[in-house]
Amino acid sequence: MSEPRETTGRCYACKRTFSFDPKEVVTFLIDPETHMPPGITVVGSLRPARPEAVARSVDEPICPDCVAKAKQYSEESGSGRSWDGWPPSSN
C-alpha cells in the first residue's frame, strides 16, 4: 500500500502556502488566461463556459481554512449552495 504523497502549493483564494495530499485537496478549475473559473465573468456573473477555456483550465488547490469559511458563509447567508459538487474540478 502506498503512502499518501504530500505536496506544497498556494491556495487560490487566500494565496497562503500549505501542504496537502493532491488526491484529497479541494480544487477549483481556473482558466490561466483570465485567472477566473470558466464561465464566470470578472463581475461575478455566469456565462456559458467556452470549450477552449475549459480545455486550457487547470485545477488550483483551496486550503481547508478557505473551504470552511465558504461553507460557513453559505450556511449563514442561506444561499443553499451545495458544497458536495462545488467548486467544479477535473479530479
N, C-alpha and C. Protein backbone atom coordinates (compact mmCIF):
# COMPACT_ATOMS: atom_id res chain seq x y z
N MET A 1 0.84 -1.18 0.00
CA MET A 1 0.00 0.00 0.00
C MET A 1 0.88 1.24 0.00
N SER A 2 0.63 2.16 -0.90
CA SER A 2 1.48 3.34 -0.99
C SER A 2 1.04 4.41 0.01
N GLU A 3 2.01 5.16 0.48
CA GLU A 3 1.73 6.24 1.43
C GLU A 3 1.20 7.44 0.67
N PRO A 4 0.36 8.25 1.34
CA PRO A 4 -0.12 9.46 0.66
C PRO A 4 1.06 10.38 0.35
N ARG A 5 1.07 10.94 -0.83
CA ARG A 5 2.17 11.85 -1.15
C ARG A 5 1.71 13.27 -0.92
N GLU A 6 2.44 13.95 -0.08
CA GLU A 6 2.12 15.33 0.25
C GLU A 6 2.87 16.25 -0.70
N THR A 7 2.27 17.36 -1.02
CA THR A 7 2.91 18.38 -1.82
C THR A 7 2.57 19.73 -1.21
N THR A 8 3.24 20.75 -1.66
CA THR A 8 3.00 22.10 -1.16
C THR A 8 2.52 22.95 -2.33
N GLY A 9 1.56 23.82 -2.07
CA GLY A 9 1.04 24.71 -3.09
C GLY A 9 0.42 25.94 -2.46
N ARG A 10 -0.03 26.86 -3.30
CA ARG A 10 -0.67 28.09 -2.83
C ARG A 10 -2.17 27.97 -3.00
N CYS A 11 -2.88 28.42 -1.98
CA CYS A 11 -4.34 28.44 -2.02
C CYS A 11 -4.78 29.47 -3.07
N TYR A 12 -5.69 29.08 -3.94
CA TYR A 12 -6.18 30.01 -4.97
C TYR A 12 -6.88 31.21 -4.34
N ALA A 13 -7.57 30.99 -3.22
CA ALA A 13 -8.36 32.06 -2.61
C ALA A 13 -7.52 33.03 -1.78
N CYS A 14 -6.76 32.51 -0.81
CA CYS A 14 -6.04 33.39 0.11
C CYS A 14 -4.55 33.52 -0.19
N LYS A 15 -4.05 32.73 -1.13
CA LYS A 15 -2.64 32.73 -1.56
C LYS A 15 -1.67 32.22 -0.50
N ARG A 16 -2.20 31.62 0.58
CA ARG A 16 -1.35 31.05 1.63
C ARG A 16 -0.76 29.74 1.11
N THR A 17 0.52 29.49 1.43
CA THR A 17 1.16 28.23 1.08
C THR A 17 0.78 27.19 2.12
N PHE A 18 0.39 26.00 1.66
CA PHE A 18 0.00 24.94 2.58
C PHE A 18 0.35 23.58 1.97
N SER A 19 0.48 22.58 2.83
CA SER A 19 0.77 21.21 2.39
C SER A 19 -0.54 20.45 2.25
N PHE A 20 -0.61 19.57 1.26
CA PHE A 20 -1.84 18.82 1.02
C PHE A 20 -1.55 17.55 0.25
N ASP A 21 -2.50 16.64 0.32
CA ASP A 21 -2.48 15.42 -0.49
C ASP A 21 -3.24 15.75 -1.77
N PRO A 22 -2.60 15.68 -2.93
CA PRO A 22 -3.28 16.04 -4.18
C PRO A 22 -4.56 15.26 -4.46
N LYS A 23 -4.69 14.05 -3.90
CA LYS A 23 -5.90 13.26 -4.13
C LYS A 23 -7.04 13.68 -3.21
N GLU A 24 -6.74 14.42 -2.14
CA GLU A 24 -7.75 14.77 -1.14
C GLU A 24 -8.12 16.25 -1.10
N VAL A 25 -7.29 17.11 -1.66
CA VAL A 25 -7.50 18.55 -1.55
C VAL A 25 -8.68 19.01 -2.42
N VAL A 26 -9.40 20.02 -1.95
CA VAL A 26 -10.46 20.64 -2.75
C VAL A 26 -9.77 21.53 -3.79
N THR A 27 -10.21 21.41 -5.03
CA THR A 27 -9.61 22.21 -6.11
C THR A 27 -10.68 23.02 -6.82
N PHE A 28 -10.22 24.01 -7.53
CA PHE A 28 -11.07 24.91 -8.28
C PHE A 28 -10.52 24.96 -9.70
N LEU A 29 -11.36 24.76 -10.69
CA LEU A 29 -10.93 24.80 -12.09
C LEU A 29 -10.76 26.26 -12.50
N ILE A 30 -9.52 26.64 -12.91
CA ILE A 30 -9.19 28.03 -13.22
C ILE A 30 -8.59 28.13 -14.61
N ASP A 31 -9.07 29.11 -15.37
CA ASP A 31 -8.53 29.42 -16.69
C ASP A 31 -7.29 30.29 -16.48
N PRO A 32 -6.08 29.84 -16.86
CA PRO A 32 -4.88 30.63 -16.62
C PRO A 32 -4.82 31.95 -17.39
N GLU A 33 -5.60 32.09 -18.45
CA GLU A 33 -5.61 33.34 -19.20
C GLU A 33 -6.40 34.43 -18.49
N THR A 34 -7.50 34.05 -17.84
CA THR A 34 -8.35 35.04 -17.17
C THR A 34 -8.19 35.03 -15.65
N HIS A 35 -7.58 33.96 -15.11
CA HIS A 35 -7.43 33.76 -13.66
C HIS A 35 -8.79 33.65 -12.97
N MET A 36 -9.79 33.20 -13.72
CA MET A 36 -11.15 33.02 -13.21
C MET A 36 -11.62 31.62 -13.62
N PRO A 37 -12.61 31.09 -12.91
CA PRO A 37 -13.20 29.82 -13.36
C PRO A 37 -13.87 30.01 -14.72
N PRO A 38 -13.81 29.01 -15.59
CA PRO A 38 -14.51 29.13 -16.87
C PRO A 38 -16.00 29.36 -16.63
N GLY A 39 -16.57 30.29 -17.35
CA GLY A 39 -17.99 30.56 -17.20
C GLY A 39 -18.32 31.63 -16.17
N ILE A 40 -17.31 32.21 -15.52
CA ILE A 40 -17.53 33.28 -14.56
C ILE A 40 -16.89 34.55 -15.12
N THR A 41 -17.61 35.66 -15.09
CA THR A 41 -17.06 36.92 -15.58
C THR A 41 -16.34 37.64 -14.44
N VAL A 42 -15.61 38.70 -14.77
CA VAL A 42 -14.88 39.45 -13.75
C VAL A 42 -15.81 40.15 -12.75
N VAL A 43 -17.06 40.34 -13.12
CA VAL A 43 -18.02 40.94 -12.18
C VAL A 43 -18.82 39.88 -11.42
N GLY A 44 -18.48 38.61 -11.64
CA GLY A 44 -19.10 37.53 -10.90
C GLY A 44 -20.37 36.95 -11.49
N SER A 45 -20.75 37.39 -12.68
CA SER A 45 -21.94 36.82 -13.30
C SER A 45 -21.56 35.55 -14.06
N LEU A 46 -22.56 34.75 -14.36
CA LEU A 46 -22.35 33.48 -15.06
C LEU A 46 -22.57 33.66 -16.55
N ARG A 47 -21.81 32.90 -17.32
CA ARG A 47 -21.97 32.85 -18.78
C ARG A 47 -21.61 31.43 -19.21
N PRO A 48 -22.01 31.01 -20.37
CA PRO A 48 -21.62 29.67 -20.82
C PRO A 48 -20.09 29.59 -20.94
N ALA A 49 -19.53 28.54 -20.40
CA ALA A 49 -18.08 28.34 -20.48
C ALA A 49 -17.71 27.91 -21.89
N ARG A 50 -16.77 28.59 -22.48
CA ARG A 50 -16.32 28.21 -23.82
C ARG A 50 -15.47 26.95 -23.73
N PRO A 51 -15.61 26.02 -24.68
CA PRO A 51 -14.85 24.77 -24.64
C PRO A 51 -13.34 24.98 -24.58
N GLU A 52 -12.82 25.99 -25.28
CA GLU A 52 -11.38 26.22 -25.26
C GLU A 52 -10.91 26.73 -23.89
N ALA A 53 -11.77 27.47 -23.19
CA ALA A 53 -11.43 27.94 -21.84
C ALA A 53 -11.38 26.76 -20.87
N VAL A 54 -12.32 25.84 -21.01
CA VAL A 54 -12.34 24.65 -20.15
C VAL A 54 -11.13 23.77 -20.45
N ALA A 55 -10.78 23.63 -21.73
CA ALA A 55 -9.67 22.76 -22.12
C ALA A 55 -8.33 23.25 -21.57
N ARG A 56 -8.13 24.56 -21.50
CA ARG A 56 -6.84 25.07 -21.01
C ARG A 56 -6.81 25.29 -19.50
N SER A 57 -7.94 25.10 -18.84
CA SER A 57 -8.03 25.33 -17.40
C SER A 57 -7.31 24.24 -16.60
N VAL A 58 -6.87 24.62 -15.42
CA VAL A 58 -6.16 23.70 -14.53
C VAL A 58 -6.78 23.76 -13.14
N ASP A 59 -6.61 22.67 -12.39
CA ASP A 59 -7.10 22.62 -11.01
C ASP A 59 -6.16 23.40 -10.10
N GLU A 60 -6.70 24.30 -9.32
CA GLU A 60 -5.93 25.05 -8.32
C GLU A 60 -6.43 24.64 -6.94
N PRO A 61 -5.52 24.37 -5.99
CA PRO A 61 -5.95 23.92 -4.66
C PRO A 61 -6.54 25.05 -3.81
N ILE A 62 -7.45 24.66 -2.93
CA ILE A 62 -8.06 25.57 -1.96
C ILE A 62 -7.73 25.03 -0.58
N CYS A 63 -7.21 25.89 0.31
CA CYS A 63 -6.82 25.43 1.65
C CYS A 63 -8.06 25.11 2.49
N PRO A 64 -7.92 24.26 3.49
CA PRO A 64 -9.06 23.88 4.34
C PRO A 64 -9.70 25.08 5.05
N ASP A 65 -8.91 26.11 5.40
CA ASP A 65 -9.48 27.29 6.05
C ASP A 65 -10.45 28.01 5.12
N CYS A 66 -10.08 28.17 3.86
CA CYS A 66 -10.96 28.85 2.90
C CYS A 66 -12.20 28.03 2.59
N VAL A 67 -12.06 26.70 2.53
CA VAL A 67 -13.22 25.84 2.31
C VAL A 67 -14.19 25.98 3.49
N ALA A 68 -13.65 25.98 4.72
CA ALA A 68 -14.50 26.13 5.91
C ALA A 68 -15.20 27.49 5.92
N LYS A 69 -14.48 28.55 5.54
CA LYS A 69 -15.08 29.89 5.50
C LYS A 69 -16.20 29.95 4.46
N ALA A 70 -15.98 29.32 3.30
CA ALA A 70 -17.00 29.31 2.25
C ALA A 70 -18.25 28.56 2.71
N LYS A 71 -18.05 27.42 3.39
CA LYS A 71 -19.20 26.66 3.90
C LYS A 71 -19.94 27.46 4.96
N GLN A 72 -19.20 28.11 5.86
CA GLN A 72 -19.83 28.91 6.90
C GLN A 72 -20.62 30.06 6.28
N TYR A 73 -20.04 30.75 5.30
CA TYR A 73 -20.74 31.84 4.64
C TYR A 73 -22.02 31.34 3.97
N SER A 74 -21.94 30.20 3.32
CA SER A 74 -23.10 29.62 2.65
C SER A 74 -24.21 29.31 3.65
N GLU A 75 -23.84 28.73 4.78
CA GLU A 75 -24.83 28.39 5.80
C GLU A 75 -25.45 29.65 6.41
N GLU A 76 -24.62 30.65 6.70
CA GLU A 76 -25.12 31.88 7.33
C GLU A 76 -25.94 32.73 6.38
N SER A 77 -25.59 32.72 5.10
CA SER A 77 -26.30 33.56 4.15
C SER A 77 -27.55 32.88 3.59
N GLY A 78 -27.64 31.57 3.80
CA GLY A 78 -28.80 30.84 3.28
C GLY A 78 -28.78 30.72 1.78
N SER A 79 -27.60 30.72 1.18
CA SER A 79 -27.51 30.66 -0.28
C SER A 79 -27.94 29.31 -0.83
N GLY A 80 -27.85 28.28 0.01
CA GLY A 80 -28.30 26.97 -0.42
C GLY A 80 -27.36 26.28 -1.37
N ARG A 81 -26.16 26.82 -1.58
CA ARG A 81 -25.19 26.20 -2.49
C ARG A 81 -24.73 24.88 -1.89
N SER A 82 -24.77 23.84 -2.68
CA SER A 82 -24.30 22.54 -2.23
C SER A 82 -22.80 22.45 -2.45
N TRP A 83 -22.06 22.24 -1.39
CA TRP A 83 -20.60 22.19 -1.49
C TRP A 83 -20.11 20.79 -1.82
N ASP A 84 -21.02 19.82 -1.98
CA ASP A 84 -20.58 18.48 -2.36
C ASP A 84 -20.14 18.44 -3.82
N GLY A 85 -20.72 19.25 -4.66
CA GLY A 85 -20.37 19.25 -6.08
C GLY A 85 -19.75 20.54 -6.53
N TRP A 86 -19.41 21.40 -5.60
CA TRP A 86 -18.85 22.70 -5.93
C TRP A 86 -17.60 22.89 -5.12
N PRO A 87 -16.55 23.44 -5.61
CA PRO A 87 -16.36 24.00 -6.94
C PRO A 87 -16.13 22.92 -7.97
N PRO A 88 -16.40 23.25 -9.24
CA PRO A 88 -16.17 22.26 -10.28
C PRO A 88 -14.69 21.97 -10.39
N SER A 89 -14.33 20.73 -10.58
CA SER A 89 -12.92 20.38 -10.76
C SER A 89 -12.84 19.19 -11.69
N SER A 90 -11.64 18.89 -12.09
CA SER A 90 -11.47 17.77 -13.01
C SER A 90 -11.00 16.51 -12.30
N ASN A 91 -10.87 16.53 -10.91
CA ASN A 91 -10.43 15.29 -10.27
C ASN A 91 -11.54 14.32 -10.16
